[in-house]
Amino acid sequence: MDVFENVVWKKSSRSDGQGANCVEVAVSPDAVGVRDSKDRDGATLAFTPDDWAAFLTGIKSGEFDS
């Protein structure tokens, strides 16, 4: 069974309306999924909730800024 089958996908507020930078995220009890909203049947990246939380913390702290 697909862990993201019965979850609500939410488009990022940072996604533009021009078809670029369109990212959607879905949260289930066991995983967080990320996909390209322009290709919903394409690949989905799946993260554990702990890994996703660490990623968000890194973003907020500037860890990935160049």
PDB file of N, CA and C in Angstrom:
ATOM      1  N   MET A   1       0.836  -1.197   0.000  1.00  0.00           N
ATOM      2  CA  MET A   1       0.000   0.000   0.000  1.00  0.00           C
ATOM      3  C   MET A   1       0.872   1.248   0.000  1.00  0.00           C
ATOM      4  N   ASP A   2       0.494   2.222  -0.777  1.00  0.00           N
ATOM      5  CA  ASP A   2       1.203   3.490  -0.872  1.00  0.00           C
ATOM      6  C   ASP A   2       0.951   4.304   0.399  1.00  0.00           C
ATOM      7  N   VAL A   3       2.030   4.660   1.094  1.00  0.00           N
ATOM      8  CA  VAL A   3       1.907   5.404   2.346  1.00  0.00           C
ATOM      9  C   VAL A   3       1.282   6.786   2.129  1.00  0.00           C
ATOM     10  N   PHE A   4       1.306   7.283   0.895  1.00  0.00           N
ATOM     11  CA  PHE A   4       0.753   8.602   0.598  1.00  0.00           C
ATOM     12  C   PHE A   4      -0.585   8.536  -0.140  1.00  0.00           C
ATOM     13  N   GLU A   5      -1.188   7.366  -0.166  1.00  0.00           N
ATOM     14  CA  GLU A   5      -2.429   7.169  -0.913  1.00  0.00           C
ATOM     15  C   GLU A   5      -3.596   7.989  -0.372  1.00  0.00           C
ATOM     16  N   ASN A   6      -3.730   8.084   0.919  1.00  0.00           N
ATOM     17  CA  ASN A   6      -4.888   8.759   1.513  1.00  0.00           C
ATOM     18  C   ASN A   6      -4.507   9.994   2.313  1.00  0.00           C
ATOM     19  N   VAL A   7      -3.517  10.729   1.827  1.00  0.00           N
ATOM     20  CA  VAL A   7      -3.109  11.943   2.520  1.00  0.00           C
ATOM     21  C   VAL A   7      -3.371  13.158   1.627  1.00  0.00           C
ATOM     22  N   VAL A   8      -3.399  14.307   2.233  1.00  0.00           N
ATOM     23  CA  VAL A   8      -3.612  15.550   1.503  1.00  0.00           C
ATOM     24  C   VAL A   8      -2.249  16.137   1.142  1.00  0.00           C
ATOM     25  N   TRP A   9      -2.079  16.405  -0.139  1.00  0.00           N
ATOM     26  CA  TRP A   9      -0.862  17.055  -0.609  1.00  0.00           C
ATOM     27  C   TRP A   9      -1.083  18.556  -0.557  1.00  0.00           C
ATOM     28  N   LYS A  10      -0.080  19.290  -0.053  1.00  0.00           N
ATOM     29  CA  LYS A  10      -0.171  20.750   0.040  1.00  0.00           C
ATOM     30  C   LYS A  10       0.950  21.370  -0.778  1.00  0.00           C
ATOM     31  N   LYS A  11       0.575  22.298  -1.653  1.00  0.00           N
ATOM     32  CA  LYS A  11       1.567  22.994  -2.472  1.00  0.00           C
ATOM     33  C   LYS A  11       2.267  24.044  -1.619  1.00  0.00           C
ATOM     34  N   SER A  12       3.555  24.148  -1.801  1.00  0.00           N
ATOM     35  CA  SER A  12       4.351  25.127  -1.082  1.00  0.00           C
ATOM     36  C   SER A  12       3.862  26.536  -1.368  1.00  0.00           C
ATOM     37  N   SER A  13       3.855  27.360  -0.356  1.00  0.00           N
ATOM     38  CA  SER A  13       3.497  28.765  -0.546  1.00  0.00           C
ATOM     39  C   SER A  13       4.562  29.487  -1.361  1.00  0.00           C
ATOM     40  N   ARG A  14       5.729  28.880  -1.496  1.00  0.00           N
ATOM     41  CA  ARG A  14       6.821  29.464  -2.295  1.00  0.00           C
ATOM     42  C   ARG A  14       6.731  29.068  -3.767  1.00  0.00           C
ATOM     43  N   SER A  15       5.824  28.161  -4.106  1.00  0.00           N
ATOM     44  CA  SER A  15       5.658  27.767  -5.503  1.00  0.00           C
ATOM     45  C   SER A  15       5.069  28.933  -6.274  1.00  0.00           C
ATOM     46  N   ASP A  16       5.600  29.164  -7.464  1.00  0.00           N
ATOM     47  CA  ASP A  16       5.063  30.275  -8.239  1.00  0.00           C
ATOM     48  C   ASP A  16       3.896  29.801  -9.103  1.00  0.00           C
ATOM     49  N   GLY A  17       3.151  30.718  -9.637  1.00  0.00           N
ATOM     50  CA  GLY A  17       1.994  30.393 -10.455  1.00  0.00           C
ATOM     51  C   GLY A  17       2.326  30.228 -11.924  1.00  0.00           C
ATOM     52  N   GLN A  18       3.605  30.242 -12.259  1.00  0.00           N
ATOM     53  CA  GLN A  18       4.032  30.176 -13.650  1.00  0.00           C
ATOM     54  C   GLN A  18       4.474  28.779 -14.070  1.00  0.00           C
ATOM     55  N   GLY A  19       4.328  27.788 -13.201  1.00  0.00           N
ATOM     56  CA  GLY A  19       4.684  26.416 -13.551  1.00  0.00           C
ATOM     57  C   GLY A  19       6.085  26.007 -13.145  1.00  0.00           C
ATOM     58  N   ALA A  20       6.808  26.892 -12.532  1.00  0.00           N
ATOM     59  CA  ALA A  20       8.154  26.547 -12.062  1.00  0.00           C
ATOM     60  C   ALA A  20       8.155  26.475 -10.535  1.00  0.00           C
ATOM     61  N   ASN A  21       9.121  25.771 -10.006  1.00  0.00           N
ATOM     62  CA  ASN A  21       9.296  25.685  -8.553  1.00  0.00           C
ATOM     63  C   ASN A  21       8.042  25.204  -7.827  1.00  0.00           C
ATOM     64  N   CYS A  22       7.389  24.204  -8.371  1.00  0.00           N
ATOM     65  CA  CYS A  22       6.151  23.701  -7.783  1.00  0.00           C
ATOM     66  C   CYS A  22       6.433  22.451  -6.961  1.00  0.00           C
ATOM     67  N   VAL A  23       6.397  22.604  -5.672  1.00  0.00           N
ATOM     68  CA  VAL A  23       6.680  21.500  -4.764  1.00  0.00           C
ATOM     69  C   VAL A  23       5.461  21.267  -3.892  1.00  0.00           C
ATOM     70  N   GLU A  24       5.122  19.986  -3.700  1.00  0.00           N
ATOM     71  CA  GLU A  24       4.038  19.611  -2.801  1.00  0.00           C
ATOM     72  C   GLU A  24       4.593  18.701  -1.719  1.00  0.00           C
ATOM     73  N   VAL A  25       4.003  18.799  -0.542  1.00  0.00           N
ATOM     74  CA  VAL A  25       4.417  17.988   0.597  1.00  0.00           C
ATOM     75  C   VAL A  25       3.181  17.309   1.181  1.00  0.00           C
ATOM     76  N   ALA A  26       3.349  16.053   1.573  1.00  0.00           N
ATOM     77  CA  ALA A  26       2.285  15.315   2.255  1.00  0.00           C
ATOM     78  C   ALA A  26       2.874  14.679   3.505  1.00  0.00           C
ATOM     79  N   VAL A  27       2.109  14.709   4.573  1.00  0.00           N
ATOM     80  CA  VAL A  27       2.574  14.143   5.841  1.00  0.00           C
ATOM     81  C   VAL A  27       1.663  12.996   6.238  1.00  0.00           C
ATOM     82  N   SER A  28       2.267  11.841   6.471  1.00  0.00           N
ATOM     83  CA  SER A  28       1.541  10.692   7.006  1.00  0.00           C
ATOM     84  C   SER A  28       2.179  10.363   8.352  1.00  0.00           C
ATOM     85  N   PRO A  29       1.597   9.471   9.128  1.00  0.00           N
ATOM     86  CA  PRO A  29       2.199   9.130  10.417  1.00  0.00           C
ATOM     87  C   PRO A  29       3.613   8.550  10.295  1.00  0.00           C
ATOM     88  N   ASP A  30       3.909   7.901   9.177  1.00  0.00           N
ATOM     89  CA  ASP A  30       5.189   7.209   9.038  1.00  0.00           C
ATOM     90  C   ASP A  30       6.187   7.896   8.122  1.00  0.00           C
ATOM     91  N   ALA A  31       5.754   8.863   7.323  1.00  0.00           N
ATOM     92  CA  ALA A  31       6.658   9.451   6.340  1.00  0.00           C
ATOM     93  C   ALA A  31       6.182  10.829   5.911  1.00  0.00           C
ATOM     94  N   VAL A  32       7.112  11.592   5.354  1.00  0.00           N
ATOM     95  CA  VAL A  32       6.811  12.874   4.732  1.00  0.00           C
ATOM     96  C   VAL A  32       7.206  12.739   3.272  1.00  0.00           C
ATOM     97  N   GLY A  33       6.281  13.049   2.385  1.00  0.00           N
ATOM     98  CA  GLY A  33       6.547  12.927   0.957  1.00  0.00           C
ATOM     99  C   GLY A  33       6.704  14.286   0.305  1.00  0.00           C
ATOM    100  N   VAL A  34       7.585  14.341  -0.679  1.00  0.00           N
ATOM    101  CA  VAL A  34       7.816  15.562  -1.448  1.00  0.00           C
ATOM    102  C   VAL A  34       7.759  15.178  -2.919  1.00  0.00           C
ATOM    103  N   ARG A  35       7.020  15.969  -3.703  1.00  0.00           N
ATOM    104  CA  ARG A  35       6.927  15.682  -5.132  1.00  0.00           C
ATOM    105  C   ARG A  35       6.792  16.978  -5.914  1.00  0.00           C
ATOM    106  N   ASP A  36       7.002  16.865  -7.203  1.00  0.00           N
ATOM    107  CA  ASP A  36       6.841  17.978  -8.139  1.00  0.00           C
ATOM    108  C   ASP A  36       5.364  18.041  -8.510  1.00  0.00           C
ATOM    109  N   SER A  37       4.710  19.142  -8.227  1.00  0.00           N
ATOM    110  CA  SER A  37       3.276  19.230  -8.493  1.00  0.00           C
ATOM    111  C   SER A  37       2.956  19.210  -9.979  1.00  0.00           C
ATOM    112  N   LYS A  38       3.947  19.460 -10.818  1.00  0.00           N
ATOM    113  CA  LYS A  38       3.718  19.401 -12.259  1.00  0.00           C
ATOM    114  C   LYS A  38       3.776  17.965 -12.776  1.00  0.00           C
ATOM    115  N   ASP A  39       4.262  17.044 -11.935  1.00  0.00           N
ATOM    116  CA  ASP A  39       4.406  15.633 -12.327  1.00  0.00           C
ATOM    117  C   ASP A  39       3.962  14.758 -11.158  1.00  0.00           C
ATOM    118  N   ARG A  40       2.696  14.820 -10.833  1.00  0.00           N
ATOM    119  CA  ARG A  40       2.170  14.124  -9.654  1.00  0.00           C
ATOM    120  C   ARG A  40       2.280  12.612  -9.736  1.00  0.00           C
ATOM    121  N   ASP A  41       2.399  12.071 -10.928  1.00  0.00           N
ATOM    122  CA  ASP A  41       2.567  10.630 -11.074  1.00  0.00           C
ATOM    123  C   ASP A  41       4.044  10.241 -11.129  1.00  0.00           C
ATOM    124  N   GLY A  42       4.908  11.229 -11.061  1.00  0.00           N
ATOM    125  CA  GLY A  42       6.350  10.969 -11.103  1.00  0.00           C
ATOM    126  C   GLY A  42       6.864  10.527  -9.739  1.00  0.00           C
ATOM    127  N   ALA A  43       8.146  10.639  -9.584  1.00  0.00           N
ATOM    128  CA  ALA A  43       8.812  10.192  -8.355  1.00  0.00           C
ATOM    129  C   ALA A  43       8.383  11.023  -7.151  1.00  0.00           C
ATOM    130  N   THR A  44       8.304  10.357  -6.012  1.00  0.00           N
ATOM    131  CA  THR A  44       8.049  10.999  -4.729  1.00  0.00           C
ATOM    132  C   THR A  44       9.214  10.685  -3.819  1.00  0.00           C
ATOM    133  N   LEU A  45       9.788  11.708  -3.230  1.00  0.00           N
ATOM    134  CA  LEU A  45      10.826  11.501  -2.227  1.00  0.00           C
ATOM    135  C   LEU A  45      10.139  11.268  -0.894  1.00  0.00           C
ATOM    136  N   ALA A  46      10.614  10.308  -0.127  1.00  0.00           N
ATOM    137  CA  ALA A  46      10.014  10.004   1.175  1.00  0.00           C
ATOM    138  C   ALA A  46      11.076  10.127   2.258  1.00  0.00           C
ATOM    139  N   PHE A  47      10.717  10.787   3.333  1.00  0.00           N
ATOM    140  CA  PHE A  47      11.602  11.009   4.469  1.00  0.00           C
ATOM    141  C   PHE A  47      10.925  10.531   5.745  1.00  0.00           C
ATOM    142  N   THR A  48      11.714  10.107   6.708  1.00  0.00           N
ATOM    143  CA  THR A  48      11.142   9.830   8.018  1.00  0.00           C
ATOM    144  C   THR A  48      10.765  11.168   8.648  1.00  0.00           C
ATOM    145  N   PRO A  49       9.815  11.179   9.556  1.00  0.00           N
ATOM    146  CA  PRO A  49       9.472  12.445  10.215  1.00  0.00           C
ATOM    147  C   PRO A  49      10.677  13.094  10.897  1.00  0.00           C
ATOM    148  N   ASP A  50      11.555  12.296  11.507  1.00  0.00           N
ATOM    149  CA  ASP A  50      12.743  12.854  12.160  1.00  0.00           C
ATOM    150  C   ASP A  50      13.696  13.486  11.158  1.00  0.00           C
ATOM    151  N   ASP A  51      13.916  12.822  10.021  1.00  0.00           N
ATOM    152  CA  ASP A  51      14.787  13.388   8.991  1.00  0.00           C
ATOM    153  C   ASP A  51      14.196  14.676   8.416  1.00  0.00           C
ATOM    154  N   TRP A  52      12.894  14.699   8.221  1.00  0.00           N
ATOM    155  CA  TRP A  52      12.233  15.894   7.701  1.00  0.00           C
ATOM    156  C   TRP A  52      12.374  17.052   8.695  1.00  0.00           C
ATOM    157  N   ALA A  53      12.180  16.768   9.975  1.00  0.00           N
ATOM    158  CA  ALA A  53      12.327  17.807  10.999  1.00  0.00           C
ATOM    159  C   ALA A  53      13.754  18.353  11.011  1.00  0.00           C
ATOM    160  N   ALA A  54      14.740  17.472  10.885  1.00  0.00           N
ATOM    161  CA  ALA A  54      16.140  17.914  10.848  1.00  0.00           C
ATOM    162  C   ALA A  54      16.403  18.771   9.613  1.00  0.00           C
ATOM    163  N   PHE A  55      15.825  18.394   8.472  1.00  0.00           N
ATOM    164  CA  PHE A  55      15.970  19.169   7.249  1.00  0.00           C
ATOM    165  C   PHE A  55      15.382  20.567   7.433  1.00  0.00           C
ATOM    166  N   LEU A  56      14.180  20.660   7.979  1.00  0.00           N
ATOM    167  CA  LEU A  56      13.557  21.960   8.201  1.00  0.00           C
ATOM    168  C   LEU A  56      14.361  22.815   9.167  1.00  0.00           C
ATOM    169  N   THR A  57      14.891  22.195  10.203  1.00  0.00           N
ATOM    170  CA  THR A  57      15.739  22.932  11.155  1.00  0.00           C
ATOM    171  C   THR A  57      16.965  23.488  10.448  1.00  0.00           C
ATOM    172  N   GLY A  58      17.571  22.682   9.566  1.00  0.00           N
ATOM    173  CA  GLY A  58      18.723  23.139   8.807  1.00  0.00           C
ATOM    174  C   GLY A  58      18.389  24.310   7.900  1.00  0.00           C
ATOM    175  N   ILE A  59      17.239  24.252   7.269  1.00  0.00           N
ATOM    176  CA  ILE A  59      16.814  25.354   6.396  1.00  0.00           C
ATOM    177  C   ILE A  59      16.653  26.627   7.208  1.00  0.00           C
ATOM    178  N   LYS A  60      15.936  26.518   8.328  1.00  0.00           N
ATOM    179  CA  LYS A  60      15.650  27.696   9.142  1.00  0.00           C
ATOM    180  C   LYS A  60      16.911  28.295   9.740  1.00  0.00           C
ATOM    181  N   SER A  61      17.915  27.483   9.999  1.00  0.00           N
ATOM    182  CA  SER A  61      19.156  27.987  10.607  1.00  0.00           C
ATOM    183  C   SER A  61      20.156  28.489   9.566  1.00  0.00           C
ATOM    184  N   GLY A  62      19.842  28.314   8.274  1.00  0.00           N
ATOM    185  CA  GLY A  62      20.743  28.763   7.220  1.00  0.00           C
ATOM    186  C   GLY A  62      21.826  27.765   6.867  1.00  0.00           C
ATOM    187  N   GLU A  63      21.700  26.547   7.340  1.00  0.00           N
ATOM    188  CA  GLU A  63      22.714  25.522   7.110  1.00  0.00           C
ATOM    189  C   GLU A  63      23.004  25.288   5.626  1.00  0.00           C
ATOM    190  N   PHE A  64      22.014  25.476   4.775  1.00  0.00           N
ATOM    191  CA  PHE A  64      22.173  25.177   3.352  1.00  0.00           C
ATOM    192  C   PHE A  64      22.398  26.426   2.498  1.00  0.00           C
ATOM    193  N   ASP A  65      22.513  27.583   3.143  1.00  0.00           N
ATOM    194  CA  ASP A  65      22.762  28.815   2.394  1.00  0.00           C
ATOM    195  C   ASP A  65      24.167  28.761   1.797  1.00  0.00           C
ATOM    196  N   SER A  66      24.282  29.307   0.616  1.00  0.00           N
ATOM    197  CA  SER A  66      25.622  29.314  -0.002  1.00  0.00           C
ATOM    198  C   SER A  66      26.278  30.663   0.089  1.00  0.00           C
TER     199      SER A  66
END
